[in-house]
PDB file of N, CA and C in Angstrom:
ATOM      1  N   UNK A   1      88.048  80.172 112.775  1.00  0.00           N
ATOM      2  CA  UNK A   1      89.093  80.510 112.861  1.00  0.00           C
ATOM      3  C   UNK A   1      90.225  79.430 112.821  1.00  0.00           C
ATOM      4  N   UNK A   2      90.043  78.759 113.743  1.00  0.00           N
ATOM      5  CA  UNK A   2      91.569  77.840 113.728  1.00  0.00           C
ATOM      6  C   UNK A   2      90.988  76.784 112.946  1.00  0.00           C
ATOM      7  N   UNK A   3      89.940  76.323 112.333  1.00  0.00           N
ATOM      8  CA  UNK A   3      89.810  75.066 111.908  1.00  0.00           C
ATOM      9  C   UNK A   3      90.406  75.556 110.185  1.00  0.00           C
ATOM     10  N   UNK A   4      90.280  76.861 110.210  1.00  0.00           N
ATOM     11  CA  UNK A   4      90.656  77.014 108.887  1.00  0.00           C
ATOM     12  C   UNK A   4      91.966  77.334 108.799  1.00  0.00           C
ATOM     13  N   UNK A   5      92.572  77.595 109.655  1.00  0.00           N
ATOM     14  CA  UNK A   5      93.854  77.821 109.435  1.00  0.00           C
ATOM     15  C   UNK A   5      94.437  76.039 109.604  1.00  0.00           C
ATOM     16  N   UNK A   6      94.087  75.531 110.276  1.00  0.00           N
ATOM     17  CA  UNK A   6      94.315  73.732 110.502  1.00  0.00           C
ATOM     18  C   UNK A   6      94.112  73.428 109.134  1.00  0.00           C
ATOM     19  N   UNK A   7      93.017  73.159 108.301  1.00  0.00           N
ATOM     20  CA  UNK A   7      92.973  73.045 106.943  1.00  0.00           C
ATOM     21  C   UNK A   7      93.760  73.796 105.631  1.00  0.00           C
ATOM     22  N   UNK A   8      94.295  75.029 106.187  1.00  0.00           N
ATOM     23  CA  UNK A   8      94.746  75.312 105.038  1.00  0.00           C
ATOM     24  C   UNK A   8      96.368  74.960 105.328  1.00  0.00           C
ATOM     25  N   UNK A   9      96.992  74.607 106.628  1.00  0.00           N
ATOM     26  CA  UNK A   9      98.231  74.223 106.776  1.00  0.00           C
ATOM     27  C   UNK A   9      98.134  72.898 106.358  1.00  0.00           C
ATOM     28  N   UNK A  10      97.182  71.689 106.585  1.00  0.00           N
ATOM     29  CA  UNK A  10      96.788  70.099 106.615  1.00  0.00           C
ATOM     30  C   UNK A  10      97.180  70.339 104.855  1.00  0.00           C
ATOM     31  N   UNK A  11      96.168  70.637 104.417  1.00  0.00           N
ATOM     32  CA  UNK A  11      96.539  70.997 102.677  1.00  0.00           C
ATOM     33  C   UNK A  11      97.479  71.698 102.228  1.00  0.00           C
ATOM     34  N   UNK A  12      98.130  72.612 102.550  1.00  0.00           N
ATOM     35  CA  UNK A  12      99.377  73.123 101.832  1.00  0.00           C
ATOM     36  C   UNK A  12     100.541  71.704 102.095  1.00  0.00           C
ATOM     37  N   UNK A  13     100.609  71.137 103.260  1.00  0.00           N
ATOM     38  CA  UNK A  13     101.708  70.037 103.456  1.00  0.00           C
ATOM     39  C   UNK A  13     100.885  68.608 102.979  1.00  0.00           C
ATOM     40  N   UNK A  14     100.023  68.656 102.450  1.00  0.00           N
ATOM     41  CA  UNK A  14      99.968  67.511 101.035  1.00  0.00           C
ATOM     42  C   UNK A  14     100.157  68.028  99.994  1.00  0.00           C
ATOM     43  N   UNK A  15      99.773  68.966  99.584  1.00  0.00           N
ATOM     44  CA  UNK A  15     100.273  69.830  98.589  1.00  0.00           C
ATOM     45  C   UNK A  15     101.499  69.768  98.450  1.00  0.00           C
ATOM     46  N   UNK A  16     102.660  69.515  98.976  1.00  0.00           N
ATOM     47  CA  UNK A  16     104.077  70.095  98.556  1.00  0.00           C
ATOM     48  C   UNK A  16     103.937  68.478  98.343  1.00  0.00           C
ATOM     49  N   UNK A  17     103.932  67.805  99.505  1.00  0.00           N
ATOM     50  CA  UNK A  17     103.833  66.071  99.561  1.00  0.00           C
ATOM     51  C   UNK A  17     103.918  65.841  97.985  1.00  0.00           C
ATOM     52  N   UNK A  18     102.685  65.981  97.930  1.00  0.00           N
ATOM     53  CA  UNK A  18     102.295  65.213  96.308  1.00  0.00           C
ATOM     54  C   UNK A  18     102.926  65.727  95.432  1.00  0.00           C
ATOM     55  N   UNK A  19     103.244  67.538  95.435  1.00  0.00           N
ATOM     56  CA  UNK A  19     104.306  68.140  94.503  1.00  0.00           C
ATOM     57  C   UNK A  19     105.168  66.757  94.471  1.00  0.00           C
ATOM     58  N   UNK A  20     106.265  66.848  95.522  1.00  0.00           N
ATOM     59  CA  UNK A  20     106.968  66.423  95.675  1.00  0.00           C
ATOM     60  C   UNK A  20     107.509  64.858  94.754  1.00  0.00           C
ATOM     61  N   UNK A  21     106.068  64.203  95.077  1.00  0.00           N
ATOM     62  CA  UNK A  21     106.386  62.696  94.142  1.00  0.00           C
ATOM     63  C   UNK A  21     106.371  62.925  92.805  1.00  0.00           C
ATOM     64  N   UNK A  22     106.159  63.924  92.319  1.00  0.00           N
ATOM     65  CA  UNK A  22     106.274  63.713  91.224  1.00  0.00           C
ATOM     66  C   UNK A  22     107.938  64.206  90.091  1.00  0.00           C
ATOM     67  N   UNK A  23     108.734  64.213  91.170  1.00  0.00           N
ATOM     68  CA  UNK A  23     110.072  64.962  90.777  1.00  0.00           C
ATOM     69  C   UNK A  23     111.138  63.427  91.202  1.00  0.00           C
ATOM     70  N   UNK A  24     112.110  63.100  90.282  1.00  0.00           N
ATOM     71  CA  UNK A  24     112.654  61.657  89.887  1.00  0.00           C
ATOM     72  C   UNK A  24     112.883  61.435  91.404  1.00  0.00           C
ATOM     73  N   UNK A  25     113.654  62.264  92.133  1.00  0.00           N
ATOM     74  CA  UNK A  25     114.607  62.417  93.374  1.00  0.00           C
ATOM     75  C   UNK A  25     113.891  61.409  94.426  1.00  0.00           C
ATOM     76  N   UNK A  26     112.302  62.015  94.568  1.00  0.00           N
ATOM     77  CA  UNK A  26     111.937  61.072  95.164  1.00  0.00           C
ATOM     78  C   UNK A  26     111.035  59.760  94.778  1.00  0.00           C
ATOM     79  N   UNK A  27     111.377  59.480  93.700  1.00  0.00           N
ATOM     80  CA  UNK A  27     111.016  58.436  93.123  1.00  0.00           C
ATOM     81  C   UNK A  27     112.506  57.405  92.976  1.00  0.00           C
ATOM     82  N   UNK A  28     113.349  57.627  93.091  1.00  0.00           N
ATOM     83  CA  UNK A  28     114.711  57.040  93.217  1.00  0.00           C
ATOM     84  C   UNK A  28     115.171  56.957  94.902  1.00  0.00           C
ATOM     85  N   UNK A  29     114.394  58.188  95.614  1.00  0.00           N
ATOM     86  CA  UNK A  29     114.700  57.342  96.892  1.00  0.00           C
ATOM     87  C   UNK A  29     113.608  56.076  97.038  1.00  0.00           C
ATOM     88  N   UNK A  30     111.924  56.450  96.640  1.00  0.00           N
ATOM     89  CA  UNK A  30     111.227  54.740  96.741  1.00  0.00           C
ATOM     90  C   UNK A  30     111.593  53.976  96.337  1.00  0.00           C
ATOM     91  N   UNK A  31     112.954  54.271  95.317  1.00  0.00           N
ATOM     92  CA  UNK A  31     113.400  52.743  94.573  1.00  0.00           C
ATOM     93  C   UNK A  31     114.276  51.756  95.951  1.00  0.00           C
ATOM     94  N   UNK A  32     115.276  52.846  96.595  1.00  0.00           N
ATOM     95  CA  UNK A  32     116.153  52.323  97.570  1.00  0.00           C
ATOM     96  C   UNK A  32     115.168  51.812  98.542  1.00  0.00           C
ATOM     97  N   UNK A  33     114.102  52.329  99.254  1.00  0.00           N
ATOM     98  CA  UNK A  33     113.930  51.648  99.959  1.00  0.00           C
ATOM     99  C   UNK A  33     112.080  52.336 100.175  1.00  0.00           C
ATOM    100  N   UNK A  34     111.609  51.560 100.602  1.00  0.00           N
ATOM    101  CA  UNK A  34     110.134  51.938 100.456  1.00  0.00           C
ATOM    102  C   UNK A  34     109.755  52.868 101.412  1.00  0.00           C
ATOM    103  N   UNK A  35     109.778  52.645 102.777  1.00  0.00           N
ATOM    104  CA  UNK A  35     109.684  53.367 104.001  1.00  0.00           C
ATOM    105  C   UNK A  35     110.620  54.960 103.806  1.00  0.00           C
ATOM    106  N   UNK A  36     111.567  54.816 102.818  1.00  0.00           N
ATOM    107  CA  UNK A  36     111.904  56.217 102.967  1.00  0.00           C
ATOM    108  C   UNK A  36     111.044  57.574 103.137  1.00  0.00           C
ATOM    109  N   UNK A  37     110.170  57.445 101.904  1.00  0.00           N
ATOM    110  CA  UNK A  37     108.639  58.653 101.238  1.00  0.00           C
ATOM    111  C   UNK A  37     108.676  58.749 103.058  1.00  0.00           C
ATOM    112  N   UNK A  38     107.886  58.162 103.106  1.00  0.00           N
ATOM    113  CA  UNK A  38     107.094  57.843 104.535  1.00  0.00           C
ATOM    114  C   UNK A  38     107.864  58.830 105.961  1.00  0.00           C
ATOM    115  N   UNK A  39     109.103  57.866 105.952  1.00  0.00           N
ATOM    116  CA  UNK A  39     110.087  58.600 107.104  1.00  0.00           C
ATOM    117  C   UNK A  39     110.432  60.091 106.402  1.00  0.00           C
ATOM    118  N   UNK A  40     110.982  60.502 105.747  1.00  0.00           N
ATOM    119  CA  UNK A  40     111.564  61.702 105.273  1.00  0.00           C
ATOM    120  C   UNK A  40     110.917  63.125 104.774  1.00  0.00           C
ATOM    121  N   UNK A  41     109.699  62.208 104.030  1.00  0.00           N
ATOM    122  CA  UNK A  41     108.996  63.487 103.910  1.00  0.00           C
ATOM    123  C   UNK A  41     107.302  63.629 104.564  1.00  0.00           C
ATOM    124  N   UNK A  42     106.849  62.709 104.565  1.00  0.00           N
ATOM    125  CA  UNK A  42     105.792  63.036 105.711  1.00  0.00           C
ATOM    126  C   UNK A  42     106.069  62.820 107.304  1.00  0.00           C
ATOM    127  N   UNK A  43     106.560  62.331 108.064  1.00  0.00           N
ATOM    128  CA  UNK A  43     106.183  62.716 108.986  1.00  0.00           C
ATOM    129  C   UNK A  43     107.057  63.757 109.273  1.00  0.00           C
ATOM    130  N   UNK A  44     107.759  63.983 109.308  1.00  0.00           N
ATOM    131  CA  UNK A  44     108.578  65.339 109.797  1.00  0.00           C
ATOM    132  C   UNK A  44     107.139  66.244 109.868  1.00  0.00           C
ATOM    133  N   UNK A  45     106.684  66.479 108.484  1.00  0.00           N
ATOM    134  CA  UNK A  45     105.595  67.646 108.493  1.00  0.00           C
ATOM    135  C   UNK A  45     104.339  67.094 109.260  1.00  0.00           C
ATOM    136  N   UNK A  46     104.415  65.744 109.792  1.00  0.00           N
ATOM    137  CA  UNK A  46     102.702  65.442 110.741  1.00  0.00           C
ATOM    138  C   UNK A  46     103.298  65.920 111.840  1.00  0.00           C
ATOM    139  N   UNK A  47     104.748  65.754 112.188  1.00  0.00           N
ATOM    140  CA  UNK A  47     105.028  65.926 113.931  1.00  0.00           C
ATOM    141  C   UNK A  47     105.554  67.316 113.753  1.00  0.00           C
ATOM    142  N   UNK A  48     105.561  68.541 113.083  1.00  0.00           N
ATOM    143  CA  UNK A  48     105.394  69.625 113.086  1.00  0.00           C
ATOM    144  C   UNK A  48     104.033  70.073 113.218  1.00  0.00           C
ATOM    145  N   UNK A  49     103.095  70.000 111.982  1.00  0.00           N
ATOM    146  CA  UNK A  49     101.693  70.119 112.507  1.00  0.00           C
ATOM    147  C   UNK A  49     101.226  69.905 113.442  1.00  0.00           C
ATOM    148  N   UNK A  50     101.027  68.630 114.287  1.00  0.00           N
ATOM    149  CA  UNK A  50     101.110  68.603 115.547  1.00  0.00           C
ATOM    150  C   UNK A  50     101.285  69.276 116.346  1.00  0.00           C
ATOM    151  N   UNK A  51     102.835  69.802 116.554  1.00  0.00           N
ATOM    152  CA  UNK A  51     103.089  69.957 117.558  1.00  0.00           C
ATOM    153  C   UNK A  51     102.723  71.698 117.385  1.00  0.00           C
ATOM    154  N   UNK A  52     102.768  72.136 116.297  1.00  0.00           N
ATOM    155  CA  UNK A  52     102.549  74.249 116.257  1.00  0.00           C
ATOM    156  C   UNK A  52     101.391  74.428 116.293  1.00  0.00           C
ATOM    157  N   UNK A  53     100.019  73.036 115.805  1.00  0.00           N
ATOM    158  CA  UNK A  53      98.641  73.212 115.731  1.00  0.00           C
ATOM    159  C   UNK A  53      98.093  73.925 117.249  1.00  0.00           C
ATOM    160  N   UNK A  54      98.611  73.375 118.290  1.00  0.00           N
ATOM    161  CA  UNK A  54      98.184  73.949 119.181  1.00  0.00           C
ATOM    162  C   UNK A  54      98.604  75.285 119.899  1.00  0.00           C
ATOM    163  N   UNK A  55      99.641  75.312 119.617  1.00  0.00           N
ATOM    164  CA  UNK A  55     100.811  76.584 119.478  1.00  0.00           C
ATOM    165  C   UNK A  55      99.798  78.066 119.105  1.00  0.00           C
ATOM    166  N   UNK A  56      99.425  77.216 117.528  1.00  0.00           N
ATOM    167  CA  UNK A  56      99.001  78.603 116.884  1.00  0.00           C
ATOM    168  C   UNK A  56      97.220  78.580 117.678  1.00  0.00           C
ATOM    169  N   UNK A  57      96.661  77.581 117.855  1.00  0.00           N
ATOM    170  CA  UNK A  57      95.526  77.746 118.277  1.00  0.00           C
ATOM    171  C   UNK A  57      95.160  78.770 119.764  1.00  0.00           C
ATOM    172  N   UNK A  58      96.311  78.634 120.822  1.00  0.00           N
ATOM    173  CA  UNK A  58      96.854  79.494 121.748  1.00  0.00           C
ATOM    174  C   UNK A  58      96.497  80.869 121.424  1.00  0.00           C
ATOM    175  N   UNK A  59      97.977  80.976 120.572  1.00  0.00           N
ATOM    176  CA  UNK A  59      98.159  82.424 119.976  1.00  0.00           C
ATOM    177  C   UNK A  59      97.106  82.994 119.572  1.00  0.00           C
ATOM    178  N   UNK A  60      95.693  82.642 118.472  1.00  0.00           N
ATOM    179  CA  UNK A  60      94.903  83.098 118.294  1.00  0.00           C
ATOM    180  C   UNK A  60      93.697  83.516 119.096  1.00  0.00           C
ATOM    181  N   UNK A  61      93.703  82.416 120.314  1.00  0.00           N
ATOM    182  CA  UNK A  61      92.402  82.875 121.100  1.00  0.00           C
ATOM    183  C   UNK A  61      93.355  83.798 122.465  1.00  0.00           C
ATOM    184  N   UNK A  62      94.495  84.231 122.132  1.00  0.00           N
ATOM    185  CA  UNK A  62      95.402  85.992 123.029  1.00  0.00           C
ATOM    186  C   UNK A  62      95.040  86.636 122.151  1.00  0.00           C
ATOM    187  N   UNK A  63      95.264  86.638 121.063  1.00  0.00           N
ATOM    188  CA  UNK A  63      94.585  87.497 120.013  1.00  0.00           C
ATOM    189  C   UNK A  63      93.479  87.698 120.397  1.00  0.00           C
ATOM    190  N   UNK A  64      92.122  87.170 120.335  1.00  0.00           N
ATOM    191  CA  UNK A  64      91.398  87.164 120.214  1.00  0.00           C
ATOM    192  C   UNK A  64      90.923  88.191 121.623  1.00  0.00           C
ATOM    193  N   UNK A  65      91.518  87.942 122.619  1.00  0.00           N
ATOM    194  CA  UNK A  65      90.987  88.147 123.968  1.00  0.00           C
ATOM    195  C   UNK A  65      91.568  89.551 123.884  1.00  0.00           C
ATOM    196  N   UNK A  66      92.786  89.580 123.487  1.00  0.00           N
ATOM    197  CA  UNK A  66      93.475  91.118 123.956  1.00  0.00           C
ATOM    198  C   UNK A  66      92.549  91.879 122.585  1.00  0.00           C
ATOM    199  N   UNK A  67      91.734  91.781 121.443  1.00  0.00           N
ATOM    200  CA  UNK A  67      91.572  92.673 120.293  1.00  0.00           C
ATOM    201  C   UNK A  67      89.860  92.757 121.489  1.00  0.00           C
ATOM    202  N   UNK A  68      89.110  91.713 121.708  1.00  0.00           N
ATOM    203  CA  UNK A  68      87.942  92.085 122.603  1.00  0.00           C
ATOM    204  C   UNK A  68      88.352  93.081 123.324  1.00  0.00           C
ATOM    205  N   UNK A  69      89.146  93.331 124.966  1.00  0.00           N
ATOM    206  CA  UNK A  69      89.182  93.558 125.569  1.00  0.00           C
ATOM    207  C   UNK A  69      89.797  95.370 124.595  1.00  0.00           C
ATOM    208  N   UNK A  70      91.020  95.324 124.034  1.00  0.00           N
ATOM    209  CA  UNK A  70      90.652  96.701 123.675  1.00  0.00           C
ATOM    210  C   UNK A  70      89.339  97.078 122.791  1.00  0.00           C
ATOM    211  N   UNK A  71      88.244  96.792 122.638  1.00  0.00           N
ATOM    212  CA  UNK A  71      87.001  97.032 121.928  1.00  0.00           C
ATOM    213  C   UNK A  71      86.586  97.608 123.042  1.00  0.00           C
ATOM    214  N   UNK A  72      86.615  96.548 123.912  1.00  0.00           N
ATOM    215  CA  UNK A  72      85.781  96.372 125.139  1.00  0.00           C
ATOM    216  C   UNK A  72      85.938  98.368 125.901  1.00  0.00           C
ATOM    217  N   UNK A  73      87.323  98.247 126.059  1.00  0.00           N
ATOM    218  CA  UNK A  73      87.774  99.519 126.711  1.00  0.00           C
ATOM    219  C   UNK A  73      87.313 100.630 125.745  1.00  0.00           C
ATOM    220  N   UNK A  74      87.600 100.955 124.598  1.00  0.00           N
ATOM    221  CA  UNK A  74      87.214 102.120 123.773  1.00  0.00           C
ATOM    222  C   UNK A  74      85.765 102.214 123.286  1.00  0.00           C
ATOM    223  N   UNK A  75      84.783 100.934 123.366  1.00  0.00           N
ATOM    224  CA  UNK A  75      83.458 101.435 123.075  1.00  0.00           C
ATOM    225  C   UNK A  75      82.717 101.988 124.370  1.00  0.00           C
TER     226      UNK A  75
END
């Protein structure tokens, strides 16, 4: 489950950045400075992804443990 969530989040971020590349604003920003695309579009998303994935894994583990406990108590 965790790997599926990680794959969806990573592919969603990649599709969003690839979609933004087609916008004229991004091309103009790239003409002003070469590293601005990496700095303003890719880097914040990568930092957010790196910070949030461990928290999402902990949350999924906690919910799985609670669900297993609930099934164990009912059965």
